[in-house]
Amino acid sequence: MVSVSEDYLAFLHDELAENQARLRETLGAGAADAMFDWCADKLVRTTEKGKYSFHPIDSVIQRASGWGMHVKVKEMEGKTEIEVQCPYAERIHLKLSSSSPRCPLGEYILGAVRLEEPKSQLVANHLTPQGVKFTIQTE
C-alpha cells in the first residue's frame, strides 16, 4: 500500500471537473457528453482488461470495496442510482476548488453500466458529505 496525499486526491477531482467543464465550453454539451461516454467505455475496459466473470457493476463494487468504499446500487425503471460512501470524502471534498466538482468514479461506473446498456448516460454526479451519488439514465 502506498500513501497518497489528500491534496493530490483533491487535485485529481478538480482536474477532472475542470477538464469536463472546458470540454463542454469548447465542444458543446452533446459532443462533450459523447467524449465522456467514449472515455468511460475505454476506461472500464482498461481497468478491468475487458474480462468480467460476473455482472460488470459487481466488479466495480468489488474493486471499490477493496479501496475501502461502500457502494449501494438501486435500479429503477429507466435509471440506476449508485451511492458511494468513501472514506476520503470528508477530508477531500472540503479541499476541492472547482466550481462544479465531480467524482472520478463516475466515469468508471458509467463504463461498467454501458457494457450492458450501451446507450446509458451519466446524468448526475453529486458529491455528498460521505461520498457521491450518481444517477445513470439507462433508457
Protein backbone atom coordinates (compact mmCIF):
# COMPACT_ATOMS: atom_id res chain seq x y z
CA MET A 1 0.00 0.00 0.00
CA VAL A 2 1.27 3.46 -0.90
CA SER A 3 0.28 6.60 0.96
CA VAL A 4 -1.26 9.26 -1.27
CA SER A 5 -1.51 12.91 -0.34
CA GLU A 6 -5.03 14.19 0.29
CA ASP A 7 -4.05 17.33 -1.64
CA TYR A 8 -3.19 15.14 -4.62
CA LEU A 9 -6.56 13.36 -4.45
CA ALA A 10 -8.30 16.75 -4.32
CA PHE A 11 -6.22 17.87 -7.31
CA LEU A 12 -7.37 14.83 -9.33
CA HIS A 13 -11.03 15.60 -8.55
CA ASP A 14 -10.55 19.25 -9.56
CA GLU A 15 -8.61 18.33 -12.69
CA LEU A 16 -11.40 16.07 -13.90
CA ALA A 17 -14.06 18.68 -13.19
CA GLU A 18 -12.18 21.46 -14.94
CA ASN A 19 -11.35 19.27 -17.96
CA GLN A 20 -15.02 18.35 -18.32
CA ALA A 21 -16.09 21.98 -17.97
CA ARG A 22 -13.63 23.11 -20.68
CA LEU A 23 -14.77 20.30 -23.00
CA ARG A 24 -18.38 21.46 -22.58
CA GLU A 25 -17.39 25.07 -23.32
CA THR A 26 -15.29 24.13 -26.34
CA LEU A 27 -17.29 21.29 -27.91
CA GLY A 28 -20.79 21.93 -26.63
CA ALA A 29 -22.82 19.65 -24.37
CA GLY A 30 -23.58 16.92 -26.93
CA ALA A 31 -20.01 16.44 -28.12
CA ALA A 32 -18.64 16.67 -24.57
CA ASP A 33 -21.11 14.00 -23.41
CA ALA A 34 -20.10 11.78 -26.33
CA MET A 35 -16.41 12.19 -25.44
CA PHE A 36 -17.14 11.37 -21.78
CA ASP A 37 -19.07 8.23 -22.81
CA TRP A 38 -16.24 7.11 -25.10
CA CYS A 39 -13.68 7.68 -22.33
CA ALA A 40 -15.86 5.76 -19.84
CA ASP A 41 -16.10 2.84 -22.27
CA LYS A 42 -12.32 2.77 -22.72
CA LEU A 43 -11.53 3.31 -19.03
CA VAL A 44 -13.56 0.35 -17.78
CA ARG A 45 -12.04 -1.93 -20.39
CA THR A 46 -8.52 -0.77 -19.50
CA THR A 47 -9.11 -1.05 -15.76
CA GLU A 48 -10.77 -4.45 -15.92
CA LYS A 49 -8.94 -5.69 -19.02
CA GLY A 50 -12.39 -6.26 -20.57
CA LYS A 51 -12.87 -9.52 -18.67
CA TYR A 52 -15.78 -9.90 -16.27
CA SER A 53 -16.60 -13.15 -14.52
CA PHE A 54 -19.94 -11.69 -13.42
CA HIS A 55 -22.09 -8.58 -13.83
CA PRO A 56 -19.80 -5.61 -14.67
CA ILE A 57 -21.18 -3.31 -11.96
CA ASP A 58 -20.49 -6.06 -9.41
CA SER A 59 -16.85 -5.98 -10.48
CA VAL A 60 -16.73 -2.21 -9.90
CA ILE A 61 -18.37 -2.65 -6.47
CA GLN A 62 -15.83 -5.32 -5.57
CA ARG A 63 -12.94 -3.07 -6.59
CA ALA A 64 -14.37 -0.04 -4.74
CA SER A 65 -14.88 -2.20 -1.65
CA GLY A 66 -11.22 -3.12 -1.83
CA TRP A 67 -10.47 0.62 -1.75
CA GLY A 68 -12.48 0.95 1.49
CA MET A 69 -15.69 2.23 -0.10
CA HIS A 70 -19.26 1.05 0.39
CA VAL A 71 -21.46 1.04 -2.72
CA LYS A 72 -25.25 0.79 -2.93
CA VAL A 73 -26.99 0.28 -6.28
CA LYS A 74 -30.68 0.96 -6.79
CA GLU A 75 -32.12 0.07 -10.19
CA MET A 76 -35.41 1.65 -11.22
CA GLU A 77 -37.38 1.98 -14.41
CA GLY A 78 -35.06 3.71 -16.87
CA LYS A 79 -32.34 4.68 -14.41
CA THR A 80 -29.81 3.40 -11.92
CA GLU A 81 -28.80 5.29 -8.78
CA ILE A 82 -25.45 4.47 -7.23
CA GLU A 83 -24.33 5.82 -3.87
CA VAL A 84 -20.73 5.51 -2.78
CA GLN A 85 -19.62 6.07 0.79
CA CYS A 86 -15.97 7.00 0.52
CA PRO A 87 -13.56 7.05 3.45
CA TYR A 88 -11.78 10.04 1.87
CA ALA A 89 -14.83 12.22 1.17
CA GLU A 90 -14.98 14.03 4.47
CA ARG A 91 -11.43 15.32 4.06
CA ILE A 92 -11.08 15.56 0.27
CA HIS A 93 -14.37 17.25 -0.65
CA LEU A 94 -13.57 20.20 1.62
CA LYS A 95 -10.35 20.81 -0.32
CA LEU A 96 -11.92 20.96 -3.79
CA SER A 97 -11.75 24.31 -5.54
CA SER A 98 -13.63 23.57 -8.78
CA SER A 99 -16.94 25.39 -9.17
CA SER A 100 -18.59 22.11 -10.25
CA PRO A 101 -16.65 19.28 -8.61
CA ARG A 102 -17.02 15.73 -9.88
CA CYS A 103 -16.11 12.34 -8.50
CA PRO A 104 -13.70 10.49 -10.81
CA LEU A 105 -15.54 7.22 -10.10
CA GLY A 106 -18.44 8.43 -12.29
CA GLU A 107 -16.58 7.70 -15.48
CA TYR A 108 -15.55 4.23 -14.27
CA ILE A 109 -19.05 3.32 -13.06
CA LEU A 110 -20.68 4.62 -16.26
CA GLY A 111 -18.30 2.48 -18.30
CA ALA A 112 -19.35 -0.63 -16.37
CA VAL A 113 -23.05 0.12 -16.85
CA ARG A 114 -22.50 0.81 -20.56
CA LEU A 115 -21.01 -2.66 -21.06
CA GLU A 116 -24.57 -3.99 -20.73
CA GLU A 117 -26.58 -0.83 -21.51
CA PRO A 118 -24.55 0.89 -24.27
CA LYS A 119 -26.78 3.97 -24.55
CA SER A 120 -26.62 4.82 -20.83
CA GLN A 121 -25.72 8.37 -19.81
CA LEU A 122 -24.44 9.78 -16.52
CA VAL A 123 -26.97 12.49 -15.66
CA ALA A 124 -25.91 13.31 -12.09
CA ASN A 125 -22.60 13.23 -10.22
CA HIS A 126 -23.35 14.89 -6.87
CA LEU A 127 -20.79 14.91 -4.11
CA THR A 128 -22.19 14.28 -0.62
CA PRO A 129 -20.52 14.69 2.78
CA GLN A 130 -20.00 10.91 2.84
CA GLY A 131 -19.12 10.34 -0.83
CA VAL A 132 -21.09 10.68 -4.03
CA LYS A 133 -24.43 9.86 -5.61
CA PHE A 134 -24.61 9.06 -9.31
CA THR A 135 -27.70 8.80 -11.47
CA ILE A 136 -27.37 6.96 -14.75
CA GLN A 137 -30.12 7.09 -17.35
CA THR A 138 -30.35 3.62 -18.83
CA GLU A 139 -33.09 4.13 -21.41
